[in-house]
């Protein structure tokens, strides 16, 4: 049905879930790592830059992503987290507080800061905050890069999420290829 309206299938990605009580209290990280919720627009702009760079997307996309998030009301249900190695912002994530379920999204670590446990740490920090608010179940959709990280934390694959993207190309354009 989506293909008939110009959408193209991209891939399926693993949907994963975990009981928060079974997750580790924290991830082993370098001593100078810290994470915190984003609480103002200037920090949200830094968050957008880290997110875009961590996903290795075109840097020009950061401004639009920042504008999208900055236009949302502050606070729940969406909270963004930024992680620092020393004074350098290196990792980002988002927490969505839904109906008794905490969703983790937008987990990104700068390429030069990977393989130090920072992705796990920026995943666990918001989940511990959600757990303190009474949430017991965490869900996420994993990229191939993050799958092993989430599995080591205790997340298990529960479903496949089909991903589609919209293409302005018409059916006739596709048939010419």
C-alpha atoms as a PDB file:
ATOM      1  CA  UNK A   1       0.000   0.000   0.000  1.00  0.00           C
ATOM      2  CA  UNK A   2       2.820   2.427   0.795  1.00  0.00           C
ATOM      3  CA  UNK A   3       4.618   1.706  -2.490  1.00  0.00           C
ATOM      4  CA  UNK A   4       1.506   2.772  -4.394  1.00  0.00           C
ATOM      5  CA  UNK A   5       1.894   6.213  -2.809  1.00  0.00           C
ATOM      6  CA  UNK A   6       5.588   6.730  -3.567  1.00  0.00           C
ATOM      7  CA  UNK A   7       7.158   5.091  -0.528  1.00  0.00           C
ATOM      8  CA  UNK A   8      10.086   2.711  -0.869  1.00  0.00           C
ATOM      9  CA  UNK A   9      11.056  -0.083   1.468  1.00  0.00           C
ATOM     10  CA  UNK A  10      14.427   0.573   3.100  1.00  0.00           C
ATOM     11  CA  UNK A  11      14.929  -2.261   5.599  1.00  0.00           C
ATOM     12  CA  UNK A  12      13.586  -3.831   8.706  1.00  0.00           C
ATOM     13  CA  UNK A  13      15.263  -2.984  11.956  1.00  0.00           C
ATOM     14  CA  UNK A  14      15.080  -4.897  15.233  1.00  0.00           C
ATOM     15  CA  UNK A  15      12.619  -3.690  17.832  1.00  0.00           C
ATOM     16  CA  UNK A  16      14.025  -4.518  21.269  1.00  0.00           C
ATOM     17  CA  UNK A  17      12.704  -4.430  24.836  1.00  0.00           C
ATOM     18  CA  UNK A  18      14.032  -4.913  28.362  1.00  0.00           C
ATOM     19  CA  UNK A  19      12.800  -4.824  31.912  1.00  0.00           C
ATOM     20  CA  UNK A  20      14.640  -1.935  33.515  1.00  0.00           C
ATOM     21  CA  UNK A  21      15.277  -3.802  36.759  1.00  0.00           C
ATOM     22  CA  UNK A  22      17.359  -6.313  34.757  1.00  0.00           C
ATOM     23  CA  UNK A  23      19.556  -3.639  33.121  1.00  0.00           C
ATOM     24  CA  UNK A  24      22.964  -2.882  34.653  1.00  0.00           C
ATOM     25  CA  UNK A  25      23.078   0.097  36.998  1.00  0.00           C
ATOM     26  CA  UNK A  26      25.656   1.781  34.774  1.00  0.00           C
ATOM     27  CA  UNK A  27      28.030   1.080  31.926  1.00  0.00           C
ATOM     28  CA  UNK A  28      31.804   1.014  32.363  1.00  0.00           C
ATOM     29  CA  UNK A  29      33.094   4.271  30.869  1.00  0.00           C
ATOM     30  CA  UNK A  30      36.161   6.458  31.089  1.00  0.00           C
ATOM     31  CA  UNK A  31      36.374   8.320  34.398  1.00  0.00           C
ATOM     32  CA  UNK A  32      35.815  11.706  32.789  1.00  0.00           C
ATOM     33  CA  UNK A  33      32.496  10.760  31.131  1.00  0.00           C
ATOM     34  CA  UNK A  34      29.298  12.402  32.344  1.00  0.00           C
ATOM     35  CA  UNK A  35      25.806  12.720  30.904  1.00  0.00           C
ATOM     36  CA  UNK A  36      22.956  15.074  31.609  1.00  0.00           C
ATOM     37  CA  UNK A  37      19.523  16.027  30.324  1.00  0.00           C
ATOM     38  CA  UNK A  38      19.454  18.894  27.843  1.00  0.00           C
ATOM     39  CA  UNK A  39      17.716  21.846  29.476  1.00  0.00           C
ATOM     40  CA  UNK A  40      18.167  24.830  27.151  1.00  0.00           C
ATOM     41  CA  UNK A  41      18.295  25.795  23.470  1.00  0.00           C
ATOM     42  CA  UNK A  42      22.074  26.340  23.220  1.00  0.00           C
ATOM     43  CA  UNK A  43      22.728  22.850  24.613  1.00  0.00           C
ATOM     44  CA  UNK A  44      20.042  21.411  22.329  1.00  0.00           C
ATOM     45  CA  UNK A  45      21.928  22.907  19.375  1.00  0.00           C
ATOM     46  CA  UNK A  46      25.071  21.069  20.542  1.00  0.00           C
ATOM     47  CA  UNK A  47      22.953  17.910  20.977  1.00  0.00           C
ATOM     48  CA  UNK A  48      21.763  18.204  17.346  1.00  0.00           C
ATOM     49  CA  UNK A  49      25.331  18.615  16.104  1.00  0.00           C
ATOM     50  CA  UNK A  50      26.468  15.510  18.029  1.00  0.00           C
ATOM     51  CA  UNK A  51      23.459  13.503  16.825  1.00  0.00           C
ATOM     52  CA  UNK A  52      24.064  14.413  13.170  1.00  0.00           C
ATOM     53  CA  UNK A  53      27.822  13.784  13.385  1.00  0.00           C
ATOM     54  CA  UNK A  54      27.290  10.511  15.274  1.00  0.00           C
ATOM     55  CA  UNK A  55      24.993   9.229  12.544  1.00  0.00           C
ATOM     56  CA  UNK A  56      27.453  10.568   9.964  1.00  0.00           C
ATOM     57  CA  UNK A  57      24.706  12.578   8.260  1.00  0.00           C
ATOM     58  CA  UNK A  58      25.335  15.768   6.282  1.00  0.00           C
ATOM     59  CA  UNK A  59      26.283  18.530   8.772  1.00  0.00           C
ATOM     60  CA  UNK A  60      23.781  20.898   7.134  1.00  0.00           C
ATOM     61  CA  UNK A  61      20.960  18.740   8.529  1.00  0.00           C
ATOM     62  CA  UNK A  62      21.789  19.736  12.112  1.00  0.00           C
ATOM     63  CA  UNK A  63      20.065  23.135  11.853  1.00  0.00           C
ATOM     64  CA  UNK A  64      16.784  21.621  10.689  1.00  0.00           C
ATOM     65  CA  UNK A  65      16.893  18.890  13.307  1.00  0.00           C
ATOM     66  CA  UNK A  66      17.587  21.482  15.999  1.00  0.00           C
ATOM     67  CA  UNK A  67      14.654  23.624  14.815  1.00  0.00           C
ATOM     68  CA  UNK A  68      12.337  20.620  14.895  1.00  0.00           C
ATOM     69  CA  UNK A  69      13.265  19.711  18.469  1.00  0.00           C
ATOM     70  CA  UNK A  70      13.526  23.292  19.712  1.00  0.00           C
ATOM     71  CA  UNK A  71       9.946  23.843  18.551  1.00  0.00           C
ATOM     72  CA  UNK A  72       8.632  21.174  20.914  1.00  0.00           C
ATOM     73  CA  UNK A  73       7.491  22.081  24.418  1.00  0.00           C
ATOM     74  CA  UNK A  74      10.291  21.536  26.942  1.00  0.00           C
ATOM     75  CA  UNK A  75      10.184  18.478  29.165  1.00  0.00           C
ATOM     76  CA  UNK A  76       8.308  15.216  28.940  1.00  0.00           C
ATOM     77  CA  UNK A  77       7.301  13.303  27.028  1.00  0.00           C
ATOM     78  CA  UNK A  78      10.598  13.870  25.125  1.00  0.00           C
ATOM     79  CA  UNK A  79      13.859  14.467  26.971  1.00  0.00           C
ATOM     80  CA  UNK A  80      17.241  14.674  25.242  1.00  0.00           C
ATOM     81  CA  UNK A  81      20.525  13.691  26.874  1.00  0.00           C
ATOM     82  CA  UNK A  82      24.043  14.779  26.027  1.00  0.00           C
ATOM     83  CA  UNK A  83      27.198  12.958  27.112  1.00  0.00           C
ATOM     84  CA  UNK A  84      30.605  14.553  27.580  1.00  0.00           C
ATOM     85  CA  UNK A  85      34.082  13.113  27.627  1.00  0.00           C
ATOM     86  CA  UNK A  86      35.873  15.732  29.677  1.00  0.00           C
ATOM     87  CA  UNK A  87      34.453  18.979  28.306  1.00  0.00           C
ATOM     88  CA  UNK A  88      33.796  17.590  24.807  1.00  0.00           C
ATOM     89  CA  UNK A  89      30.237  16.572  23.866  1.00  0.00           C
ATOM     90  CA  UNK A  90      30.516  13.109  22.288  1.00  0.00           C
ATOM     91  CA  UNK A  91      27.207  11.263  22.579  1.00  0.00           C
ATOM     92  CA  UNK A  92      23.475  11.932  22.475  1.00  0.00           C
ATOM     93  CA  UNK A  93      20.175  10.164  23.083  1.00  0.00           C
ATOM     94  CA  UNK A  94      16.480  10.860  23.482  1.00  0.00           C
ATOM     95  CA  UNK A  95      13.990   9.450  25.965  1.00  0.00           C
ATOM     96  CA  UNK A  96      10.284   9.249  25.158  1.00  0.00           C
ATOM     97  CA  UNK A  97       8.039   8.622  28.131  1.00  0.00           C
ATOM     98  CA  UNK A  98       4.915   6.878  26.897  1.00  0.00           C
ATOM     99  CA  UNK A  99       2.124   4.958  28.517  1.00  0.00           C
ATOM    100  CA  UNK A 100       4.166   3.056  31.153  1.00  0.00           C
ATOM    101  CA  UNK A 101       6.981   2.432  28.637  1.00  0.00           C
ATOM    102  CA  UNK A 102      10.240   4.355  28.234  1.00  0.00           C
ATOM    103  CA  UNK A 103      11.510   4.557  24.664  1.00  0.00           C
ATOM    104  CA  UNK A 104      15.121   5.258  23.763  1.00  0.00           C
ATOM    105  CA  UNK A 105      15.787   6.981  20.440  1.00  0.00           C
ATOM    106  CA  UNK A 106      18.506   8.908  18.609  1.00  0.00           C
ATOM    107  CA  UNK A 107      21.446   7.212  20.323  1.00  0.00           C
ATOM    108  CA  UNK A 108      24.583   8.511  18.632  1.00  0.00           C
ATOM    109  CA  UNK A 109      28.277   8.574  19.480  1.00  0.00           C
ATOM    110  CA  UNK A 110      30.876  10.521  17.536  1.00  0.00           C
ATOM    111  CA  UNK A 111      32.992   8.103  15.468  1.00  0.00           C
ATOM    112  CA  UNK A 112      36.220   9.088  17.246  1.00  0.00           C
ATOM    113  CA  UNK A 113      34.650   8.358  20.675  1.00  0.00           C
ATOM    114  CA  UNK A 114      33.221   4.893  19.935  1.00  0.00           C
ATOM    115  CA  UNK A 115      34.193   1.591  21.583  1.00  0.00           C
ATOM    116  CA  UNK A 116      34.485   3.101  25.079  1.00  0.00           C
ATOM    117  CA  UNK A 117      31.043   2.209  26.481  1.00  0.00           C
ATOM    118  CA  UNK A 118      29.628   5.678  25.855  1.00  0.00           C
ATOM    119  CA  UNK A 119      26.678   4.466  23.758  1.00  0.00           C
ATOM    120  CA  UNK A 120      25.679   2.100  26.552  1.00  0.00           C
ATOM    121  CA  UNK A 121      26.078   4.874  29.124  1.00  0.00           C
ATOM    122  CA  UNK A 122      23.958   7.393  27.191  1.00  0.00           C
ATOM    123  CA  UNK A 123      21.311   4.683  26.841  1.00  0.00           C
ATOM    124  CA  UNK A 124      21.264   3.768  30.528  1.00  0.00           C
ATOM    125  CA  UNK A 125      21.310   7.308  31.982  1.00  0.00           C
ATOM    126  CA  UNK A 126      17.852   8.305  30.677  1.00  0.00           C
ATOM    127  CA  UNK A 127      16.467   4.859  31.497  1.00  0.00           C
ATOM    128  CA  UNK A 128      17.575   5.190  35.111  1.00  0.00           C
ATOM    129  CA  UNK A 129      15.811   8.574  35.245  1.00  0.00           C
ATOM    130  CA  UNK A 130      12.665   6.959  33.786  1.00  0.00           C
ATOM    131  CA  UNK A 131      12.909   4.094  36.259  1.00  0.00           C
ATOM    132  CA  UNK A 132      13.054   6.603  39.120  1.00  0.00           C
ATOM    133  CA  UNK A 133       9.745   7.977  37.787  1.00  0.00           C
ATOM    134  CA  UNK A 134       8.118   4.539  37.956  1.00  0.00           C
ATOM    135  CA  UNK A 135       8.756   3.160  34.461  1.00  0.00           C
ATOM    136  CA  UNK A 136       9.588  -0.558  34.311  1.00  0.00           C
ATOM    137  CA  UNK A 137       9.909  -1.411  30.615  1.00  0.00           C
ATOM    138  CA  UNK A 138      12.292   0.058  28.045  1.00  0.00           C
ATOM    139  CA  UNK A 139      11.948  -0.223  24.274  1.00  0.00           C
ATOM    140  CA  UNK A 140      14.073   0.847  21.337  1.00  0.00           C
ATOM    141  CA  UNK A 141      14.661   0.282  17.653  1.00  0.00           C
ATOM    142  CA  UNK A 142      18.238  -0.728  16.945  1.00  0.00           C
ATOM    143  CA  UNK A 143      20.646   0.141  14.180  1.00  0.00           C
ATOM    144  CA  UNK A 144      23.150  -2.536  13.173  1.00  0.00           C
ATOM    145  CA  UNK A 145      25.870  -0.548  14.962  1.00  0.00           C
ATOM    146  CA  UNK A 146      23.992  -0.493  18.268  1.00  0.00           C
ATOM    147  CA  UNK A 147      22.500  -4.000  18.286  1.00  0.00           C
ATOM    148  CA  UNK A 148      25.347  -5.675  20.186  1.00  0.00           C
ATOM    149  CA  UNK A 149      25.501  -2.820  22.678  1.00  0.00           C
ATOM    150  CA  UNK A 150      21.802  -3.148  23.486  1.00  0.00           C
ATOM    151  CA  UNK A 151      21.964  -6.934  23.626  1.00  0.00           C
ATOM    152  CA  UNK A 152      24.855  -6.770  26.138  1.00  0.00           C
ATOM    153  CA  UNK A 153      22.765  -4.380  28.253  1.00  0.00           C
ATOM    154  CA  UNK A 154      19.947  -6.945  28.378  1.00  0.00           C
ATOM    155  CA  UNK A 155      17.622  -5.863  25.572  1.00  0.00           C
ATOM    156  CA  UNK A 156      16.091  -8.660  23.512  1.00  0.00           C
ATOM    157  CA  UNK A 157      14.694  -8.519  20.003  1.00  0.00           C
ATOM    158  CA  UNK A 158      10.905  -8.603  20.132  1.00  0.00           C
ATOM    159  CA  UNK A 159       9.912  -7.615  16.603  1.00  0.00           C
ATOM    160  CA  UNK A 160      11.050  -6.262  13.254  1.00  0.00           C
ATOM    161  CA  UNK A 161      10.134  -2.691  12.337  1.00  0.00           C
ATOM    162  CA  UNK A 162       9.693  -2.166   8.604  1.00  0.00           C
ATOM    163  CA  UNK A 163      11.141   1.153   7.480  1.00  0.00           C
ATOM    164  CA  UNK A 164       9.996   3.026   4.399  1.00  0.00           C
ATOM    165  CA  UNK A 165      10.987   6.364   2.944  1.00  0.00           C
ATOM    166  CA  UNK A 166       9.064   8.639   0.651  1.00  0.00           C
ATOM    167  CA  UNK A 167      10.380   9.288  -2.802  1.00  0.00           C
ATOM    168  CA  UNK A 168       9.131  12.102  -5.005  1.00  0.00           C
ATOM    169  CA  UNK A 169       9.979   9.951  -7.994  1.00  0.00           C
ATOM    170  CA  UNK A 170       6.854   8.763  -9.841  1.00  0.00           C
ATOM    171  CA  UNK A 171       6.072   5.174 -10.742  1.00  0.00           C
ATOM    172  CA  UNK A 172       6.864   6.046 -14.368  1.00  0.00           C
ATOM    173  CA  UNK A 173      10.301   7.345 -13.314  1.00  0.00           C
ATOM    174  CA  UNK A 174      10.981   4.079 -11.457  1.00  0.00           C
ATOM    175  CA  UNK A 175       9.869   1.987 -14.438  1.00  0.00           C
ATOM    176  CA  UNK A 176      12.391   3.775 -16.681  1.00  0.00           C
ATOM    177  CA  UNK A 177      15.292   2.562 -14.509  1.00  0.00           C
END
